[in-house]
Amino acid sequence: MAEPKFQIRARHTDSTITVYQAYSPAIGLPAARENRFPALWRRDRMTWIKPSFLWMMYRCGWGTKEGQETVLAVEILREGFEWALRHACLSHYEPGLHADRAAWKRRLKQAPARVQWDPERDLRLQPLDHRSLQLGLTGEAARLYADEWTVSITDVTSLARTVRAHVRNGHLDAARQLLPSERPYPVNEEILSHLHR
């Protein structure tokens, strides 16, 4: 059965959801060690969180891109994640979803969060037909994410490298067994209705 085109798939519990980010070691290592983002992490910048491990691997090149060498699994409160979705704006203008381009621009400027739906990736980081959610946080949302929603921060760089090595050696089953278990995230469609057509 085909995956729904727009669906959040993530590792989650009754109270948390795991998202991924990649940083330079100067930010990533102390964040994982201290279980909170260090002072070097800027709360006044847009930060993008990704519930899909493989999409994060695509974005950071398995932790090989400059400035993205440390891959973090950040467990955050579901109530915070859903607050961000409720207050988010789609990152691009969508006719039929927005009244007009000017209305979308006004909403985007005011929103503390924005959503992009990009093609999900397979183990070889090739695009799939269904989409993966990227959630951009800025202003109030970025501050809440760093200071109130974050439950734990884990360095998963070694996992990324191990999975990549299996893929490169053609051991896809071994790679697949190591992937974080991601399943559909139970969110009310009302929360997502303004974020896709």
C-alpha atoms as a PDB file:
ATOM      1  CA  MET A   1       0.000   0.000   0.000  1.00  0.00           C
ATOM      2  CA  ALA A   2       1.342   3.433  -0.934  1.00  0.00           C
ATOM      3  CA  GLU A   3       2.311   5.850   1.815  1.00  0.00           C
ATOM      4  CA  PRO A   4       0.095   8.941   2.158  1.00  0.00           C
ATOM      5  CA  LYS A   5       1.823  11.842   0.419  1.00  0.00           C
ATOM      6  CA  PHE A   6       1.621  14.140   3.455  1.00  0.00           C
ATOM      7  CA  GLN A   7       2.105  12.283   6.711  1.00  0.00           C
ATOM      8  CA  ILE A   8       4.443  12.823   9.649  1.00  0.00           C
ATOM      9  CA  ARG A   9       6.450   9.688  10.364  1.00  0.00           C
ATOM     10  CA  ALA A  10       8.628   9.755  13.457  1.00  0.00           C
ATOM     11  CA  ARG A  11       9.978   7.968  16.467  1.00  0.00           C
ATOM     12  CA  HIS A  12       7.606   8.937  19.285  1.00  0.00           C
ATOM     13  CA  THR A  13       6.219   8.023  22.677  1.00  0.00           C
ATOM     14  CA  ASP A  14       3.012   9.079  24.391  1.00  0.00           C
ATOM     15  CA  SER A  15       4.609  12.385  25.400  1.00  0.00           C
ATOM     16  CA  THR A  16       7.607  12.972  23.094  1.00  0.00           C
ATOM     17  CA  ILE A  17       8.720  12.975  19.478  1.00  0.00           C
ATOM     18  CA  THR A  18      12.304  12.615  18.253  1.00  0.00           C
ATOM     19  CA  VAL A  19      13.627  15.066  15.671  1.00  0.00           C
ATOM     20  CA  TYR A  20      17.068  15.323  14.097  1.00  0.00           C
ATOM     21  CA  GLN A  21      19.543  18.124  13.549  1.00  0.00           C
ATOM     22  CA  ALA A  22      23.216  18.286  12.560  1.00  0.00           C
ATOM     23  CA  TYR A  23      25.739  20.800  13.859  1.00  0.00           C
ATOM     24  CA  SER A  24      29.427  21.493  14.050  1.00  0.00           C
ATOM     25  CA  PRO A  25      31.146  19.663  16.921  1.00  0.00           C
ATOM     26  CA  ALA A  26      31.439  23.010  18.764  1.00  0.00           C
ATOM     27  CA  ILE A  27      27.645  23.012  19.175  1.00  0.00           C
ATOM     28  CA  GLY A  28      26.699  19.345  18.828  1.00  0.00           C
ATOM     29  CA  LEU A  29      29.125  17.801  21.309  1.00  0.00           C
ATOM     30  CA  PRO A  30      28.330  20.080  24.292  1.00  0.00           C
ATOM     31  CA  ALA A  31      24.609  19.876  23.466  1.00  0.00           C
ATOM     32  CA  ALA A  32      24.685  16.074  23.768  1.00  0.00           C
ATOM     33  CA  ARG A  33      27.008  16.129  26.781  1.00  0.00           C
ATOM     34  CA  GLU A  34      24.995  18.714  28.738  1.00  0.00           C
ATOM     35  CA  ASN A  35      21.579  17.679  27.409  1.00  0.00           C
ATOM     36  CA  ARG A  36      20.829  21.263  26.417  1.00  0.00           C
ATOM     37  CA  PHE A  37      21.886  23.624  23.670  1.00  0.00           C
ATOM     38  CA  PRO A  38      24.999  25.644  24.580  1.00  0.00           C
ATOM     39  CA  ALA A  39      25.251  29.428  24.596  1.00  0.00           C
ATOM     40  CA  LEU A  40      26.838  29.223  21.141  1.00  0.00           C
ATOM     41  CA  TRP A  41      23.477  27.959  19.799  1.00  0.00           C
ATOM     42  CA  ARG A  42      21.676  31.102  18.660  1.00  0.00           C
ATOM     43  CA  ARG A  43      18.053  31.416  19.687  1.00  0.00           C
ATOM     44  CA  ASP A  44      17.539  34.342  17.286  1.00  0.00           C
ATOM     45  CA  ARG A  45      18.095  32.229  14.148  1.00  0.00           C
ATOM     46  CA  MET A  46      15.778  29.915  12.237  1.00  0.00           C
ATOM     47  CA  THR A  47      16.458  26.304  13.190  1.00  0.00           C
ATOM     48  CA  TRP A  48      15.083  23.362  11.183  1.00  0.00           C
ATOM     49  CA  ILE A  49      14.061  20.115  12.844  1.00  0.00           C
ATOM     50  CA  LYS A  50      13.371  16.900  10.958  1.00  0.00           C
ATOM     51  CA  PRO A  51      11.465  13.858  12.265  1.00  0.00           C
ATOM     52  CA  SER A  52      12.942  11.655   9.503  1.00  0.00           C
ATOM     53  CA  PHE A  53      16.375  10.149  10.202  1.00  0.00           C
ATOM     54  CA  LEU A  54      17.015   9.410   6.520  1.00  0.00           C
ATOM     55  CA  TRP A  55      16.019  12.900   5.415  1.00  0.00           C
ATOM     56  CA  MET A  56      18.501  14.255   7.959  1.00  0.00           C
ATOM     57  CA  MET A  57      21.135  11.912   6.500  1.00  0.00           C
ATOM     58  CA  TYR A  58      20.378  13.310   3.049  1.00  0.00           C
ATOM     59  CA  ARG A  59      20.646  16.884   4.336  1.00  0.00           C
ATOM     60  CA  CYS A  60      23.918  16.421   6.248  1.00  0.00           C
ATOM     61  CA  GLY A  61      25.525  13.799   3.979  1.00  0.00           C
ATOM     62  CA  TRP A  62      25.609  11.210   6.782  1.00  0.00           C
ATOM     63  CA  GLY A  63      27.343  13.790   8.998  1.00  0.00           C
ATOM     64  CA  THR A  64      30.118  14.556   6.496  1.00  0.00           C
ATOM     65  CA  LYS A  65      29.142  18.080   5.411  1.00  0.00           C
ATOM     66  CA  GLU A  66      31.088  20.956   6.901  1.00  0.00           C
ATOM     67  CA  GLY A  67      29.334  22.381   9.932  1.00  0.00           C
ATOM     68  CA  GLN A  68      27.068  19.312  10.151  1.00  0.00           C
ATOM     69  CA  GLU A  69      29.517  16.703  11.427  1.00  0.00           C
ATOM     70  CA  THR A  70      27.637  15.990  14.673  1.00  0.00           C
ATOM     71  CA  VAL A  71      24.191  14.436  14.207  1.00  0.00           C
ATOM     72  CA  LEU A  72      21.779  14.870  17.105  1.00  0.00           C
ATOM     73  CA  ALA A  73      18.559  13.076  18.008  1.00  0.00           C
ATOM     74  CA  VAL A  74      16.547  15.616  19.998  1.00  0.00           C
ATOM     75  CA  GLU A  75      13.606  14.276  21.972  1.00  0.00           C
ATOM     76  CA  ILE A  76      11.032  17.024  22.471  1.00  0.00           C
ATOM     77  CA  LEU A  77       7.592  17.303  24.035  1.00  0.00           C
ATOM     78  CA  ARG A  78       4.749  16.443  21.695  1.00  0.00           C
ATOM     79  CA  GLU A  79       2.759  19.388  23.032  1.00  0.00           C
ATOM     80  CA  GLY A  80       5.546  21.723  21.880  1.00  0.00           C
ATOM     81  CA  PHE A  81       5.834  20.064  18.480  1.00  0.00           C
ATOM     82  CA  GLU A  82       2.088  20.354  17.951  1.00  0.00           C
ATOM     83  CA  TRP A  83       2.082  23.973  19.145  1.00  0.00           C
ATOM     84  CA  ALA A  84       4.647  24.701  16.438  1.00  0.00           C
ATOM     85  CA  LEU A  85       2.503  22.965  13.807  1.00  0.00           C
ATOM     86  CA  ARG A  86      -0.593  24.930  14.858  1.00  0.00           C
ATOM     87  CA  HIS A  87       1.309  28.217  14.593  1.00  0.00           C
ATOM     88  CA  ALA A  88       3.241  27.322  11.444  1.00  0.00           C
ATOM     89  CA  CYS A  89       2.863  28.664   7.937  1.00  0.00           C
ATOM     90  CA  LEU A  90       3.691  26.730   4.790  1.00  0.00           C
ATOM     91  CA  SER A  91       7.069  27.910   3.494  1.00  0.00           C
ATOM     92  CA  HIS A  92       5.745  28.476  -0.035  1.00  0.00           C
ATOM     93  CA  TYR A  93       2.620  30.031  -1.512  1.00  0.00           C
ATOM     94  CA  GLU A  94      -0.030  27.450  -2.369  1.00  0.00           C
ATOM     95  CA  PRO A  95      -3.015  28.637  -4.465  1.00  0.00           C
ATOM     96  CA  GLY A  96      -6.263  27.409  -2.940  1.00  0.00           C
ATOM     97  CA  LEU A  97      -4.681  27.094   0.500  1.00  0.00           C
ATOM     98  CA  HIS A  98      -3.858  30.789   0.894  1.00  0.00           C
ATOM     99  CA  ALA A  99      -6.252  33.598  -0.045  1.00  0.00           C
ATOM    100  CA  ASP A 100      -3.543  35.208  -2.183  1.00  0.00           C
ATOM    101  CA  ARG A 101       0.232  35.648  -2.291  1.00  0.00           C
ATOM    102  CA  ALA A 102       0.122  38.821  -0.161  1.00  0.00           C
ATOM    103  CA  ALA A 103      -1.892  37.080   2.577  1.00  0.00           C
ATOM    104  CA  TRP A 104       0.590  34.181   2.589  1.00  0.00           C
ATOM    105  CA  LYS A 105       3.549  36.589   2.864  1.00  0.00           C
ATOM    106  CA  ARG A 106       1.941  38.372   5.822  1.00  0.00           C
ATOM    107  CA  ARG A 107       1.264  35.070   7.563  1.00  0.00           C
ATOM    108  CA  LEU A 108       4.773  33.787   6.871  1.00  0.00           C
ATOM    109  CA  LYS A 109       6.333  36.940   8.319  1.00  0.00           C
ATOM    110  CA  GLN A 110       4.312  36.634  11.537  1.00  0.00           C
ATOM    111  CA  ALA A 111       4.531  32.853  12.040  1.00  0.00           C
ATOM    112  CA  PRO A 112       7.033  31.507  14.601  1.00  0.00           C
ATOM    113  CA  ALA A 113       7.275  28.279  12.598  1.00  0.00           C
ATOM    114  CA  ARG A 114       7.201  27.196   8.978  1.00  0.00           C
ATOM    115  CA  VAL A 115       6.707  23.880   7.238  1.00  0.00           C
ATOM    116  CA  GLN A 116       8.267  22.358   4.147  1.00  0.00           C
ATOM    117  CA  TRP A 117       7.312  18.988   2.699  1.00  0.00           C
ATOM    118  CA  ASP A 118      10.288  17.504   0.845  1.00  0.00           C
ATOM    119  CA  PRO A 119      10.598  14.073  -0.792  1.00  0.00           C
ATOM    120  CA  GLU A 120      11.361  11.379   1.772  1.00  0.00           C
ATOM    121  CA  ARG A 121      14.574   9.431   1.154  1.00  0.00           C
ATOM    122  CA  ASP A 122      15.445   5.756   0.964  1.00  0.00           C
ATOM    123  CA  LEU A 123      18.602   4.111   2.313  1.00  0.00           C
ATOM    124  CA  ARG A 124      20.575   5.264  -0.724  1.00  0.00           C
ATOM    125  CA  LEU A 125      19.167   8.778  -0.085  1.00  0.00           C
ATOM    126  CA  GLN A 126      17.178   8.684  -3.316  1.00  0.00           C
ATOM    127  CA  PRO A 127      13.825  10.546  -3.341  1.00  0.00           C
ATOM    128  CA  LEU A 128      10.588   8.674  -2.705  1.00  0.00           C
ATOM    129  CA  ASP A 129       7.072   9.631  -3.817  1.00  0.00           C
ATOM    130  CA  HIS A 130       5.819  10.604  -0.355  1.00  0.00           C
ATOM    131  CA  ARG A 131       6.915  13.636   1.607  1.00  0.00           C
ATOM    132  CA  SER A 132       8.866  14.266   4.784  1.00  0.00           C
ATOM    133  CA  LEU A 133       8.115  17.154   7.125  1.00  0.00           C
ATOM    134  CA  GLN A 134      10.739  19.796   7.880  1.00  0.00           C
ATOM    135  CA  LEU A 135       9.760  22.237  10.613  1.00  0.00           C
ATOM    136  CA  GLY A 136      11.523  25.593  10.834  1.00  0.00           C
ATOM    137  CA  LEU A 137      11.450  27.363  14.195  1.00  0.00           C
ATOM    138  CA  THR A 138      12.209  31.023  14.767  1.00  0.00           C
ATOM    139  CA  GLY A 139      11.649  33.640  17.456  1.00  0.00           C
ATOM    140  CA  GLU A 140       9.389  32.354  20.229  1.00  0.00           C
ATOM    141  CA  ALA A 141       9.316  28.829  18.777  1.00  0.00           C
ATOM    142  CA  ALA A 142      13.118  28.519  18.675  1.00  0.00           C
ATOM    143  CA  ARG A 143      13.395  29.714  22.266  1.00  0.00           C
ATOM    144  CA  LEU A 144      10.677  27.328  23.463  1.00  0.00           C
ATOM    145  CA  TYR A 145      12.311  24.457  21.572  1.00  0.00           C
ATOM    146  CA  ALA A 146      15.704  25.022  23.181  1.00  0.00           C
ATOM    147  CA  ASP A 147      14.595  25.975  26.684  1.00  0.00           C
ATOM    148  CA  GLU A 148      11.260  24.250  27.355  1.00  0.00           C
ATOM    149  CA  TRP A 149      10.409  21.501  24.863  1.00  0.00           C
ATOM    150  CA  THR A 150      13.718  19.608  24.781  1.00  0.00           C
ATOM    151  CA  VAL A 151      13.713  16.477  26.942  1.00  0.00           C
ATOM    152  CA  SER A 152      16.988  14.892  25.815  1.00  0.00           C
ATOM    153  CA  ILE A 153      19.750  15.321  23.238  1.00  0.00           C
ATOM    154  CA  THR A 154      21.692  12.287  21.998  1.00  0.00           C
ATOM    155  CA  ASP A 155      24.700  12.205  19.683  1.00  0.00           C
ATOM    156  CA  VAL A 156      23.825   9.679  16.947  1.00  0.00           C
ATOM    157  CA  THR A 157      26.797  10.428  14.693  1.00  0.00           C
ATOM    158  CA  SER A 158      28.258   6.939  15.144  1.00  0.00           C
ATOM    159  CA  LEU A 159      24.898   5.423  14.167  1.00  0.00           C
ATOM    160  CA  ALA A 160      24.856   7.562  11.014  1.00  0.00           C
ATOM    161  CA  ARG A 161      28.364   6.399  10.083  1.00  0.00           C
ATOM    162  CA  THR A 162      27.586   2.738  10.752  1.00  0.00           C
ATOM    163  CA  VAL A 163      24.401   2.817   8.653  1.00  0.00           C
ATOM    164  CA  ARG A 164      26.275   4.612   5.872  1.00  0.00           C
ATOM    165  CA  ALA A 165      29.061   1.987   5.921  1.00  0.00           C
ATOM    166  CA  HIS A 166      26.500  -0.823   5.587  1.00  0.00           C
ATOM    167  CA  VAL A 167      24.813   0.966   2.676  1.00  0.00           C
ATOM    168  CA  ARG A 168      28.148   1.556   0.914  1.00  0.00           C
ATOM    169  CA  ASN A 169      29.043  -2.123   1.324  1.00  0.00           C
ATOM    170  CA  GLY A 170      25.682  -3.208  -0.083  1.00  0.00           C
ATOM    171  CA  HIS A 171      24.423  -4.580   3.249  1.00  0.00           C
ATOM    172  CA  LEU A 172      21.013  -2.906   3.058  1.00  0.00           C
ATOM    173  CA  ASP A 173      19.271  -5.321   5.428  1.00  0.00           C
ATOM    174  CA  ALA A 174      21.888  -4.680   8.118  1.00  0.00           C
ATOM    175  CA  ALA A 175      21.538  -0.929   7.539  1.00  0.00           C
ATOM    176  CA  ARG A 176      17.735  -1.106   7.692  1.00  0.00           C
ATOM    177  CA  GLN A 177      17.812  -2.962  11.026  1.00  0.00           C
ATOM    178  CA  LEU A 178      19.750  -0.084  12.608  1.00  0.00           C
ATOM    179  CA  LEU A 179      17.354   2.664  11.517  1.00  0.00           C
ATOM    180  CA  PRO A 180      15.297   4.347  14.239  1.00  0.00           C
ATOM    181  CA  SER A 181      11.764   2.964  14.283  1.00  0.00           C
ATOM    182  CA  GLU A 182       9.603   5.663  12.670  1.00  0.00           C
ATOM    183  CA  ARG A 183       5.847   5.258  12.436  1.00  0.00           C
ATOM    184  CA  PRO A 184       2.932   7.522  11.579  1.00  0.00           C
ATOM    185  CA  TYR A 185       2.632  10.305  14.127  1.00  0.00           C
ATOM    186  CA  PRO A 186      -0.939  10.553  15.468  1.00  0.00           C
ATOM    187  CA  VAL A 187      -1.796  14.173  14.872  1.00  0.00           C
ATOM    188  CA  ASN A 188      -5.282  15.561  14.299  1.00  0.00           C
ATOM    189  CA  GLU A 189      -5.686  16.455  10.614  1.00  0.00           C
ATOM    190  CA  GLU A 190      -7.112  19.795  11.777  1.00  0.00           C
ATOM    191  CA  ILE A 191      -3.578  20.704  12.944  1.00  0.00           C
ATOM    192  CA  LEU A 192      -2.131  19.934   9.494  1.00  0.00           C
ATOM    193  CA  SER A 193      -4.974  21.162   7.269  1.00  0.00           C
ATOM    194  CA  HIS A 194      -3.410  24.625   6.796  1.00  0.00           C
ATOM    195  CA  LEU A 195      -0.044  23.066   5.900  1.00  0.00           C
ATOM    196  CA  HIS A 196      -0.850  21.096   2.734  1.00  0.00           C
ATOM    197  CA  ARG A 197      -3.470  20.689   0.033  1.00  0.00           C
END
